[in-house]
Amino acid sequence: MYPASFEYHRATSVTDALALMARYGDDAKVLAGGHSLLPLMKLRFATPRHLIDIGRIAALGGITESGGSVVIGAMTPHTDVASSALVAARIPALSDAASAIGDVQVRNRGTIGGSLAHADPGADMPAVMLALGGQIAANGVTGERVIAADAYFTGTFTTSLGAGELVTQIRIPVPAMGSGSAYAKHPDVASGYAVVGVAALVTVAGGTISAARVALTGLAPFAARMPAVEAALIGGPATPAAVGKAAQAAGSGLDLFDDARGSAAYKANLAAVYAARALMNALARASA
């Protein structure tokens, strides 16, 4: 199918993009990589009268380390995140997730900021941001606002971004010494989206897990932390047996149901299996 008619605008800077967004309001959509928006437009589920392309704003790209955080421009493609030596060394869970997104074409065109702005319930990046305690920087006409990942995801395809705000940076604190992170997922064969994906960050001190953040995507209306798993980990021994036992709580609190992807019991088991895989990898990296 073909999209409805629209007017195309190529933004030359963040300031230019914000001005276009303010001018056209709800009649406009921002185009990043396009892998989510363009299919919706072709099906006419989305019919913006104005399309604002931010793909050539150089200031929205790049991966650096600053102030104790890895800072990633919103328009950085997944392939650059996946191949970054800095990301792999500092926050390997993000490298795991970026490498597992879609296929080569999707990773080459899709962007980290676009994924977080779209907030698909089966996307990989939201769980990683929650587990790593990341922040989303957004610019609006009144300036920059930094949103903690814990307060960012509010519903299915819904975030706390305000009207006229544009995601510009992703900031992820470098974990403390003795920490390890990992991401593991079971992908949908057709789309590559996560049927279930789990991101984990653990910190080990003196053979004990002193801190843990674990988040899940795919089995809930939106990505969320897993407090039962975290509580079972913190203060416990940093052993495979203890981690495996804690992972059994991964399905706790999830409103699971039978559908074409499997039964509720199958999905609960998937959550436990992939929580264990992510946690085991994170524990191994913490001990390395």
C-alpha atoms as a PDB file:
ATOM      1  CA  MET A   1       0.000   0.000   0.000  1.00  0.00           C
ATOM      2  CA  TYR A   2       0.940   3.631  -0.313  1.00  0.00           C
ATOM      3  CA  PRO A   3       0.942   6.236   2.466  1.00  0.00           C
ATOM      4  CA  ALA A   4      -1.388   9.199   2.481  1.00  0.00           C
ATOM      5  CA  SER A   5       0.024  12.426   1.057  1.00  0.00           C
ATOM      6  CA  PHE A   6       2.395  14.315   3.320  1.00  0.00           C
ATOM      7  CA  GLU A   7       4.874  17.191   3.191  1.00  0.00           C
ATOM      8  CA  TYR A   8       8.512  16.272   3.779  1.00  0.00           C
ATOM      9  CA  HIS A   9      10.838  18.466   5.852  1.00  0.00           C
ATOM     10  CA  ARG A  10      14.562  17.800   6.340  1.00  0.00           C
ATOM     11  CA  ALA A  11      15.682  19.310   9.644  1.00  0.00           C
ATOM     12  CA  THR A  12      19.216  20.730   9.582  1.00  0.00           C
ATOM     13  CA  SER A  13      19.696  21.029  13.346  1.00  0.00           C
ATOM     14  CA  VAL A  14      17.981  20.200  16.629  1.00  0.00           C
ATOM     15  CA  THR A  15      16.753  23.786  16.794  1.00  0.00           C
ATOM     16  CA  ASP A  16      15.317  23.491  13.305  1.00  0.00           C
ATOM     17  CA  ALA A  17      13.610  20.182  14.152  1.00  0.00           C
ATOM     18  CA  LEU A  18      12.043  21.627  17.311  1.00  0.00           C
ATOM     19  CA  ALA A  19      10.776  24.642  15.376  1.00  0.00           C
ATOM     20  CA  LEU A  20       9.167  22.376  12.770  1.00  0.00           C
ATOM     21  CA  MET A  21       7.622  20.231  15.498  1.00  0.00           C
ATOM     22  CA  ALA A  22       6.221  23.323  17.202  1.00  0.00           C
ATOM     23  CA  ARG A  23       4.871  24.694  13.919  1.00  0.00           C
ATOM     24  CA  TYR A  24       3.035  21.555  12.817  1.00  0.00           C
ATOM     25  CA  GLY A  25       2.156  20.032  16.207  1.00  0.00           C
ATOM     26  CA  ASP A  26       0.018  16.903  16.101  1.00  0.00           C
ATOM     27  CA  ASP A  27       0.004  16.959  12.290  1.00  0.00           C
ATOM     28  CA  ALA A  28       3.699  16.011  12.237  1.00  0.00           C
ATOM     29  CA  LYS A  29       5.751  12.890  12.894  1.00  0.00           C
ATOM     30  CA  VAL A  30       9.519  12.715  13.375  1.00  0.00           C
ATOM     31  CA  LEU A  31      11.394  10.333  11.072  1.00  0.00           C
ATOM     32  CA  ALA A  32      14.496   8.678  12.524  1.00  0.00           C
ATOM     33  CA  GLY A  33      15.410   5.284  11.042  1.00  0.00           C
ATOM     34  CA  GLY A  34      11.874   4.774   9.754  1.00  0.00           C
ATOM     35  CA  HIS A  35      11.517   1.032  10.380  1.00  0.00           C
ATOM     36  CA  SER A  36       8.565   1.534  12.715  1.00  0.00           C
ATOM     37  CA  LEU A  37       6.919   4.635  11.279  1.00  0.00           C
ATOM     38  CA  LEU A  38       7.046   3.917   7.528  1.00  0.00           C
ATOM     39  CA  PRO A  39       5.214   0.551   7.702  1.00  0.00           C
ATOM     40  CA  LEU A  40       2.465   2.226   9.739  1.00  0.00           C
ATOM     41  CA  MET A  41       2.220   4.967   7.127  1.00  0.00           C
ATOM     42  CA  LYS A  42       2.024   2.445   4.292  1.00  0.00           C
ATOM     43  CA  LEU A  43      -0.881   0.732   6.057  1.00  0.00           C
ATOM     44  CA  ARG A  44      -2.373   4.171   6.818  1.00  0.00           C
ATOM     45  CA  PHE A  45      -2.434   3.432  10.517  1.00  0.00           C
ATOM     46  CA  ALA A  46      -0.398   6.660  10.753  1.00  0.00           C
ATOM     47  CA  THR A  47      -1.277   9.535   8.422  1.00  0.00           C
ATOM     48  CA  PRO A  48       0.903  12.529   9.335  1.00  0.00           C
ATOM     49  CA  ARG A  49       0.486  15.565   7.128  1.00  0.00           C
ATOM     50  CA  HIS A  50       4.109  16.537   7.790  1.00  0.00           C
ATOM     51  CA  LEU A  51       7.184  14.294   8.104  1.00  0.00           C
ATOM     52  CA  ILE A  52      10.222  15.801   9.856  1.00  0.00           C
ATOM     53  CA  ASP A  53      13.426  13.957   8.930  1.00  0.00           C
ATOM     54  CA  ILE A  54      16.168  14.267  11.585  1.00  0.00           C
ATOM     55  CA  GLY A  55      18.463  11.709   9.960  1.00  0.00           C
ATOM     56  CA  ARG A  56      21.090  14.200   8.801  1.00  0.00           C
ATOM     57  CA  ILE A  57      21.600  16.120  12.039  1.00  0.00           C
ATOM     58  CA  ALA A  58      25.254  15.362  12.799  1.00  0.00           C
ATOM     59  CA  ALA A  59      24.949  16.519  16.417  1.00  0.00           C
ATOM     60  CA  LEU A  60      22.606  13.590  17.150  1.00  0.00           C
ATOM     61  CA  GLY A  61      25.227  10.913  16.408  1.00  0.00           C
ATOM     62  CA  GLY A  62      28.253   9.456  18.129  1.00  0.00           C
ATOM     63  CA  ILE A  63      29.307   7.437  21.174  1.00  0.00           C
ATOM     64  CA  THR A  64      31.517   8.959  23.872  1.00  0.00           C
ATOM     65  CA  GLU A  65      32.310   8.627  27.573  1.00  0.00           C
ATOM     66  CA  SER A  66      31.760  11.687  29.725  1.00  0.00           C
ATOM     67  CA  GLY A  67      31.168  12.342  33.408  1.00  0.00           C
ATOM     68  CA  GLY A  68      31.102   8.676  34.338  1.00  0.00           C
ATOM     69  CA  SER A  69      28.532   7.769  31.678  1.00  0.00           C
ATOM     70  CA  VAL A  70      28.510   6.403  28.162  1.00  0.00           C
ATOM     71  CA  VAL A  71      26.739   9.061  26.070  1.00  0.00           C
ATOM     72  CA  ILE A  72      25.102   8.009  22.802  1.00  0.00           C
ATOM     73  CA  GLY A  73      23.527  10.354  20.273  1.00  0.00           C
ATOM     74  CA  ALA A  74      19.890   9.537  19.586  1.00  0.00           C
ATOM     75  CA  MET A  75      20.469   9.005  15.860  1.00  0.00           C
ATOM     76  CA  THR A  76      23.290   6.506  16.366  1.00  0.00           C
ATOM     77  CA  PRO A  77      22.341   3.344  14.438  1.00  0.00           C
ATOM     78  CA  HIS A  78      22.161   0.022  16.244  1.00  0.00           C
ATOM     79  CA  THR A  79      25.073  -1.340  14.219  1.00  0.00           C
ATOM     80  CA  ASP A  80      27.372   1.382  15.593  1.00  0.00           C
ATOM     81  CA  VAL A  81      26.292   0.562  19.146  1.00  0.00           C
ATOM     82  CA  ALA A  82      26.826  -3.155  18.527  1.00  0.00           C
ATOM     83  CA  SER A  83      30.334  -2.636  17.115  1.00  0.00           C
ATOM     84  CA  SER A  84      31.502  -0.027  19.648  1.00  0.00           C
ATOM     85  CA  ALA A  85      34.515  -1.160  21.684  1.00  0.00           C
ATOM     86  CA  LEU A  86      33.589   1.392  24.352  1.00  0.00           C
ATOM     87  CA  VAL A  87      30.069  -0.002  24.738  1.00  0.00           C
ATOM     88  CA  ALA A  88      31.335  -3.591  24.823  1.00  0.00           C
ATOM     89  CA  ALA A  89      33.874  -2.751  27.526  1.00  0.00           C
ATOM     90  CA  ARG A  90      31.701  -0.556  29.739  1.00  0.00           C
ATOM     91  CA  ILE A  91      28.128  -1.806  29.289  1.00  0.00           C
ATOM     92  CA  PRO A  92      28.135  -5.154  27.486  1.00  0.00           C
ATOM     93  CA  ALA A  93      24.386  -5.667  28.012  1.00  0.00           C
ATOM     94  CA  LEU A  94      23.816  -2.836  25.533  1.00  0.00           C
ATOM     95  CA  SER A  95      26.189  -4.462  23.066  1.00  0.00           C
ATOM     96  CA  ASP A  96      24.311  -7.760  23.475  1.00  0.00           C
ATOM     97  CA  ALA A  97      20.978  -6.087  22.761  1.00  0.00           C
ATOM     98  CA  ALA A  98      22.092  -3.985  19.807  1.00  0.00           C
ATOM     99  CA  SER A  99      23.647  -7.060  18.171  1.00  0.00           C
ATOM    100  CA  ALA A 100      20.372  -8.983  18.497  1.00  0.00           C
ATOM    101  CA  ILE A 101      18.023  -6.389  16.993  1.00  0.00           C
ATOM    102  CA  GLY A 102      16.209  -7.400  13.795  1.00  0.00           C
ATOM    103  CA  ASP A 103      18.561  -8.105  10.911  1.00  0.00           C
ATOM    104  CA  VAL A 104      21.505  -6.321   9.289  1.00  0.00           C
ATOM    105  CA  GLN A 105      19.305  -3.857   7.390  1.00  0.00           C
ATOM    106  CA  VAL A 106      17.320  -2.963  10.497  1.00  0.00           C
ATOM    107  CA  ARG A 107      20.496  -2.481  12.536  1.00  0.00           C
ATOM    108  CA  ASN A 108      22.009  -0.293   9.824  1.00  0.00           C
ATOM    109  CA  ARG A 109      19.007   2.050   9.618  1.00  0.00           C
ATOM    110  CA  GLY A 110      17.304   1.773  12.994  1.00  0.00           C
ATOM    111  CA  THR A 111      18.495   4.114  15.748  1.00  0.00           C
ATOM    112  CA  ILE A 112      18.716   3.839  19.508  1.00  0.00           C
ATOM    113  CA  GLY A 113      16.780   7.066  20.019  1.00  0.00           C
ATOM    114  CA  GLY A 114      14.079   6.044  17.583  1.00  0.00           C
ATOM    115  CA  SER A 115      13.619   2.737  19.374  1.00  0.00           C
ATOM    116  CA  LEU A 116      13.257   4.431  22.752  1.00  0.00           C
ATOM    117  CA  ALA A 117      10.886   7.081  21.415  1.00  0.00           C
ATOM    118  CA  HIS A 118       8.691   4.413  19.788  1.00  0.00           C
ATOM    119  CA  ALA A 119       8.730   2.227  22.943  1.00  0.00           C
ATOM    120  CA  ASP A 120       7.488  -0.973  21.337  1.00  0.00           C
ATOM    121  CA  PRO A 121       6.596  -3.535  24.049  1.00  0.00           C
ATOM    122  CA  GLY A 122       8.751  -6.114  22.260  1.00  0.00           C
ATOM    123  CA  ALA A 123      11.777  -3.872  21.687  1.00  0.00           C
ATOM    124  CA  ASP A 124      15.137  -4.734  23.235  1.00  0.00           C
ATOM    125  CA  MET A 125      16.480  -1.314  24.254  1.00  0.00           C
ATOM    126  CA  PRO A 126      13.847  -0.440  26.898  1.00  0.00           C
ATOM    127  CA  ALA A 127      14.754  -3.407  29.119  1.00  0.00           C
ATOM    128  CA  VAL A 128      18.458  -2.607  28.847  1.00  0.00           C
ATOM    129  CA  MET A 129      17.893   1.035  29.758  1.00  0.00           C
ATOM    130  CA  LEU A 130      15.911  -0.002  32.839  1.00  0.00           C
ATOM    131  CA  ALA A 131      18.475  -2.547  33.990  1.00  0.00           C
ATOM    132  CA  LEU A 132      21.394  -0.187  33.484  1.00  0.00           C
ATOM    133  CA  GLY A 133      19.709   2.798  35.120  1.00  0.00           C
ATOM    134  CA  GLY A 134      19.949   4.822  31.934  1.00  0.00           C
ATOM    135  CA  GLN A 135      18.665   8.298  31.224  1.00  0.00           C
ATOM    136  CA  ILE A 136      16.965   9.789  28.173  1.00  0.00           C
ATOM    137  CA  ALA A 137      17.798  13.410  27.356  1.00  0.00           C
ATOM    138  CA  ALA A 138      15.049  15.241  25.474  1.00  0.00           C
ATOM    139  CA  ASN A 139      15.015  18.756  24.094  1.00  0.00           C
ATOM    140  CA  GLY A 140      11.975  20.989  23.772  1.00  0.00           C
ATOM    141  CA  VAL A 141      11.404  24.656  23.090  1.00  0.00           C
ATOM    142  CA  THR A 142      12.077  25.379  26.791  1.00  0.00           C
ATOM    143  CA  GLY A 143      15.387  23.495  26.868  1.00  0.00           C
ATOM    144  CA  GLU A 144      16.697  20.074  27.840  1.00  0.00           C
ATOM    145  CA  ARG A 145      15.046  17.620  30.215  1.00  0.00           C
ATOM    146  CA  VAL A 146      16.685  14.408  31.450  1.00  0.00           C
ATOM    147  CA  ILE A 147      14.315  11.525  32.207  1.00  0.00           C
ATOM    148  CA  ALA A 148      15.318   8.451  34.193  1.00  0.00           C
ATOM    149  CA  ALA A 149      14.448   5.212  32.408  1.00  0.00           C
ATOM    150  CA  ASP A 150      12.431   4.147  35.476  1.00  0.00           C
ATOM    151  CA  ALA A 151      10.082   7.089  34.841  1.00  0.00           C
ATOM    152  CA  TYR A 152      10.174   7.044  31.036  1.00  0.00           C
ATOM    153  CA  PHE A 153       8.139   3.986  29.955  1.00  0.00           C
ATOM    154  CA  THR A 154       4.503   4.504  30.906  1.00  0.00           C
ATOM    155  CA  GLY A 155       2.477   2.171  28.656  1.00  0.00           C
ATOM    156  CA  THR A 156       2.298   0.351  25.340  1.00  0.00           C
ATOM    157  CA  PHE A 157       3.997   2.630  22.790  1.00  0.00           C
ATOM    158  CA  THR A 158       3.749   5.358  25.437  1.00  0.00           C
ATOM    159  CA  THR A 159       6.450   7.353  27.219  1.00  0.00           C
ATOM    160  CA  SER A 160       6.711  10.409  29.430  1.00  0.00           C
ATOM    161  CA  LEU A 161       8.010  12.521  26.546  1.00  0.00           C
ATOM    162  CA  GLY A 162       6.086  15.770  26.376  1.00  0.00           C
ATOM    163  CA  ALA A 163       4.493  17.271  23.291  1.00  0.00           C
ATOM    164  CA  GLY A 164       7.172  18.855  21.133  1.00  0.00           C
ATOM    165  CA  GLU A 165      10.070  17.070  22.856  1.00  0.00           C
ATOM    166  CA  LEU A 166      12.777  15.315  20.845  1.00  0.00           C
ATOM    167  CA  VAL A 167      15.049  12.564  22.182  1.00  0.00           C
ATOM    168  CA  THR A 168      18.616  13.806  21.674  1.00  0.00           C
ATOM    169  CA  GLN A 169      20.902  11.664  23.855  1.00  0.00           C
ATOM    170  CA  ILE A 170      21.015   8.435  25.800  1.00  0.00           C
ATOM    171  CA  ARG A 171      23.169   8.432  28.926  1.00  0.00           C
ATOM    172  CA  ILE A 172      24.103   5.231  30.724  1.00  0.00           C
ATOM    173  CA  PRO A 173      26.184   5.299  33.927  1.00  0.00           C
ATOM    174  CA  VAL A 174      29.294   3.139  33.831  1.00  0.00           C
ATOM    175  CA  PRO A 175      28.638   0.399  36.414  1.00  0.00           C
ATOM    176  CA  ALA A 176      30.754   0.204  39.566  1.00  0.00           C
ATOM    177  CA  MET A 177      33.762  -2.072  39.877  1.00  0.00           C
ATOM    178  CA  GLY A 178      32.732  -5.674  40.381  1.00  0.00           C
ATOM    179  CA  SER A 179      29.672  -5.274  38.165  1.00  0.00           C
ATOM    180  CA  GLY A 180      28.593  -7.266  35.149  1.00  0.00           C
ATOM    181  CA  SER A 181      25.708  -6.831  32.729  1.00  0.00           C
ATOM    182  CA  ALA A 182      24.088  -8.945  30.028  1.00  0.00           C
ATOM    183  CA  TYR A 183      20.996  -9.248  27.834  1.00  0.00           C
ATOM    184  CA  ALA A 184      19.371 -12.451  26.575  1.00  0.00           C
ATOM    185  CA  LYS A 185      16.245 -12.882  24.478  1.00  0.00           C
ATOM    186  CA  HIS A 186      14.033 -15.357  22.686  1.00  0.00           C
ATOM    187  CA  PRO A 187      13.138 -13.610  19.402  1.00  0.00           C
ATOM    188  CA  ASP A 188      10.030 -13.882  17.304  1.00  0.00           C
ATOM    189  CA  VAL A 189      11.151 -15.783  14.200  1.00  0.00           C
ATOM    190  CA  ALA A 190       9.416 -13.443  11.742  1.00  0.00           C
ATOM    191  CA  SER A 191      10.040 -10.005  13.236  1.00  0.00           C
ATOM    192  CA  GLY A 192      13.059 -10.397  15.483  1.00  0.00           C
ATOM    193  CA  TYR A 193      11.207  -8.629  18.298  1.00  0.00           C
ATOM    194  CA  ALA A 194      11.547 -10.199  21.727  1.00  0.00           C
ATOM    195  CA  VAL A 195       8.978 -12.773  22.727  1.00  0.00           C
ATOM    196  CA  VAL A 196      10.867 -12.353  25.967  1.00  0.00           C
ATOM    197  CA  GLY A 197      14.038 -10.426  26.648  1.00  0.00           C
ATOM    198  CA  VAL A 198      15.805  -9.950  29.969  1.00  0.00           C
ATOM    199  CA  ALA A 199      18.527  -7.437  30.841  1.00  0.00           C
ATOM    200  CA  ALA A 200      20.516  -7.806  34.043  1.00  0.00           C
ATOM    201  CA  LEU A 201      23.090  -5.843  36.012  1.00  0.00           C
ATOM    202  CA  VAL A 202      24.689  -7.350  39.117  1.00  0.00           C
ATOM    203  CA  THR A 203      27.389  -6.048  41.432  1.00  0.00           C
ATOM    204  CA  VAL A 204      29.448  -8.500  43.476  1.00  0.00           C
ATOM    205  CA  ALA A 205      31.430  -7.683  46.610  1.00  0.00           C
ATOM    206  CA  GLY A 206      33.098 -10.307  48.778  1.00  0.00           C
ATOM    207  CA  GLY A 207      31.236 -13.162  47.138  1.00  0.00           C
ATOM    208  CA  THR A 208      27.847 -11.532  47.757  1.00  0.00           C
ATOM    209  CA  ILE A 209      25.529  -9.814  45.287  1.00  0.00           C
ATOM    210  CA  SER A 210      25.387  -6.305  46.715  1.00  0.00           C
ATOM    211  CA  ALA A 211      23.187  -4.751  44.016  1.00  0.00           C
ATOM    212  CA  ALA A 212      21.026  -5.975  41.150  1.00  0.00           C
ATOM    213  CA  ARG A 213      18.756  -4.502  38.506  1.00  0.00           C
ATOM    214  CA  VAL A 214      16.791  -6.836  36.236  1.00  0.00           C
ATOM    215  CA  ALA A 215      14.258  -5.837  33.575  1.00  0.00           C
ATOM    216  CA  LEU A 216      12.032  -7.693  31.138  1.00  0.00           C
ATOM    217  CA  THR A 217      10.563  -6.899  27.727  1.00  0.00           C
ATOM    218  CA  GLY A 218       8.130  -8.785  25.481  1.00  0.00           C
ATOM    219  CA  LEU A 219       5.747 -10.388  27.988  1.00  0.00           C
ATOM    220  CA  ALA A 220       4.171  -7.249  29.433  1.00  0.00           C
ATOM    221  CA  PRO A 221       2.408  -4.166  28.006  1.00  0.00           C
ATOM    222  CA  PHE A 222       5.721  -2.327  28.339  1.00  0.00           C
ATOM    223  CA  ALA A 223       9.237  -3.019  29.627  1.00  0.00           C
ATOM    224  CA  ALA A 224       9.488  -3.164  33.399  1.00  0.00           C
ATOM    225  CA  ARG A 225      11.823  -3.969  36.262  1.00  0.00           C
ATOM    226  CA  MET A 226      11.523  -7.360  37.998  1.00  0.00           C
ATOM    227  CA  PRO A 227      11.497  -6.524  41.719  1.00  0.00           C
ATOM    228  CA  ALA A 228      10.943 -10.111  42.897  1.00  0.00           C
ATOM    229  CA  VAL A 229      14.082 -11.280  41.087  1.00  0.00           C
ATOM    230  CA  GLU A 230      16.104  -8.311  42.339  1.00  0.00           C
ATOM    231  CA  ALA A 231      15.004  -8.902  45.943  1.00  0.00           C
ATOM    232  CA  ALA A 232      15.933 -12.585  45.696  1.00  0.00           C
ATOM    233  CA  LEU A 233      19.413 -11.692  44.448  1.00  0.00           C
ATOM    234  CA  ILE A 234      20.504  -8.826  46.703  1.00  0.00           C
ATOM    235  CA  GLY A 235      22.365 -10.005  49.763  1.00  0.00           C
ATOM    236  CA  GLY A 236      22.625 -13.558  48.461  1.00  0.00           C
ATOM    237  CA  PRO A 237      25.693 -15.496  47.377  1.00  0.00           C
ATOM    238  CA  ALA A 238      27.138 -14.820  43.940  1.00  0.00           C
ATOM    239  CA  THR A 239      26.774 -18.430  42.828  1.00  0.00           C
ATOM    240  CA  PRO A 240      25.098 -20.017  39.801  1.00  0.00           C
ATOM    241  CA  ALA A 241      22.744 -21.944  42.074  1.00  0.00           C
ATOM    242  CA  ALA A 242      21.540 -18.808  43.862  1.00  0.00           C
ATOM    243  CA  VAL A 243      21.159 -16.904  40.606  1.00  0.00           C
ATOM    244  CA  GLY A 244      19.209 -19.759  39.023  1.00  0.00           C
ATOM    245  CA  LYS A 245      16.874 -19.907  42.003  1.00  0.00           C
ATOM    246  CA  ALA A 246      16.263 -16.139  41.905  1.00  0.00           C
ATOM    247  CA  ALA A 247      15.445 -16.360  38.185  1.00  0.00           C
ATOM    248  CA  GLN A 248      12.477 -18.586  38.969  1.00  0.00           C
ATOM    249  CA  ALA A 249      10.682 -15.463  40.245  1.00  0.00           C
ATOM    250  CA  ALA A 250      10.867 -13.852  36.768  1.00  0.00           C
ATOM    251  CA  GLY A 251       7.202 -14.567  35.984  1.00  0.00           C
ATOM    252  CA  SER A 252       6.009 -13.100  39.277  1.00  0.00           C
ATOM    253  CA  GLY A 253       3.512 -10.278  38.802  1.00  0.00           C
ATOM    254  CA  LEU A 254       3.122 -10.787  35.046  1.00  0.00           C
ATOM    255  CA  ASP A 255      -0.417 -11.001  33.640  1.00  0.00           C
ATOM    256  CA  LEU A 256       0.279 -13.886  31.267  1.00  0.00           C
ATOM    257  CA  PHE A 257      -2.285 -15.503  28.969  1.00  0.00           C
ATOM    258  CA  ASP A 258      -2.520 -18.156  26.257  1.00  0.00           C
ATOM    259  CA  ASP A 259      -2.168 -16.991  22.654  1.00  0.00           C
ATOM    260  CA  ALA A 260      -0.565 -17.996  19.343  1.00  0.00           C
ATOM    261  CA  ARG A 261       2.909 -17.630  20.870  1.00  0.00           C
ATOM    262  CA  GLY A 262       2.229 -20.170  23.600  1.00  0.00           C
ATOM    263  CA  SER A 263       0.479 -20.867  26.854  1.00  0.00           C
ATOM    264  CA  ALA A 264       0.790 -18.762  29.985  1.00  0.00           C
ATOM    265  CA  ALA A 265       2.805 -21.557  31.583  1.00  0.00           C
ATOM    266  CA  TYR A 266       5.178 -21.663  28.613  1.00  0.00           C
ATOM    267  CA  LYS A 267       5.726 -17.904  28.799  1.00  0.00           C
ATOM    268  CA  ALA A 268       6.394 -18.042  32.546  1.00  0.00           C
ATOM    269  CA  ASN A 269       8.996 -20.711  31.889  1.00  0.00           C
ATOM    270  CA  LEU A 270      10.546 -18.591  29.115  1.00  0.00           C
ATOM    271  CA  ALA A 271      10.847 -15.660  31.521  1.00  0.00           C
ATOM    272  CA  ALA A 272      12.659 -17.835  34.079  1.00  0.00           C
ATOM    273  CA  VAL A 273      14.967 -19.408  31.476  1.00  0.00           C
ATOM    274  CA  TYR A 274      16.028 -16.119  29.911  1.00  0.00           C
ATOM    275  CA  ALA A 275      16.355 -14.381  33.260  1.00  0.00           C
ATOM    276  CA  ALA A 276      18.735 -17.151  34.295  1.00  0.00           C
ATOM    277  CA  ARG A 277      20.748 -16.813  31.070  1.00  0.00           C
ATOM    278  CA  ALA A 278      21.096 -13.052  31.393  1.00  0.00           C
ATOM    279  CA  LEU A 279      21.984 -13.287  35.078  1.00  0.00           C
ATOM    280  CA  MET A 280      24.527 -16.058  34.587  1.00  0.00           C
ATOM    281  CA  ASN A 281      26.283 -14.025  31.879  1.00  0.00           C
ATOM    282  CA  ALA A 282      26.191 -10.883  34.016  1.00  0.00           C
ATOM    283  CA  LEU A 283      27.618 -12.801  36.978  1.00  0.00           C
ATOM    284  CA  ALA A 284      30.420 -14.233  34.849  1.00  0.00           C
ATOM    285  CA  ARG A 285      31.304 -10.757  33.597  1.00  0.00           C
ATOM    286  CA  ALA A 286      31.252  -9.374  37.136  1.00  0.00           C
ATOM    287  CA  SER A 287      33.774 -12.014  38.143  1.00  0.00           C
ATOM    288  CA  ALA A 288      36.028 -11.581  35.131  1.00  0.00           C
END
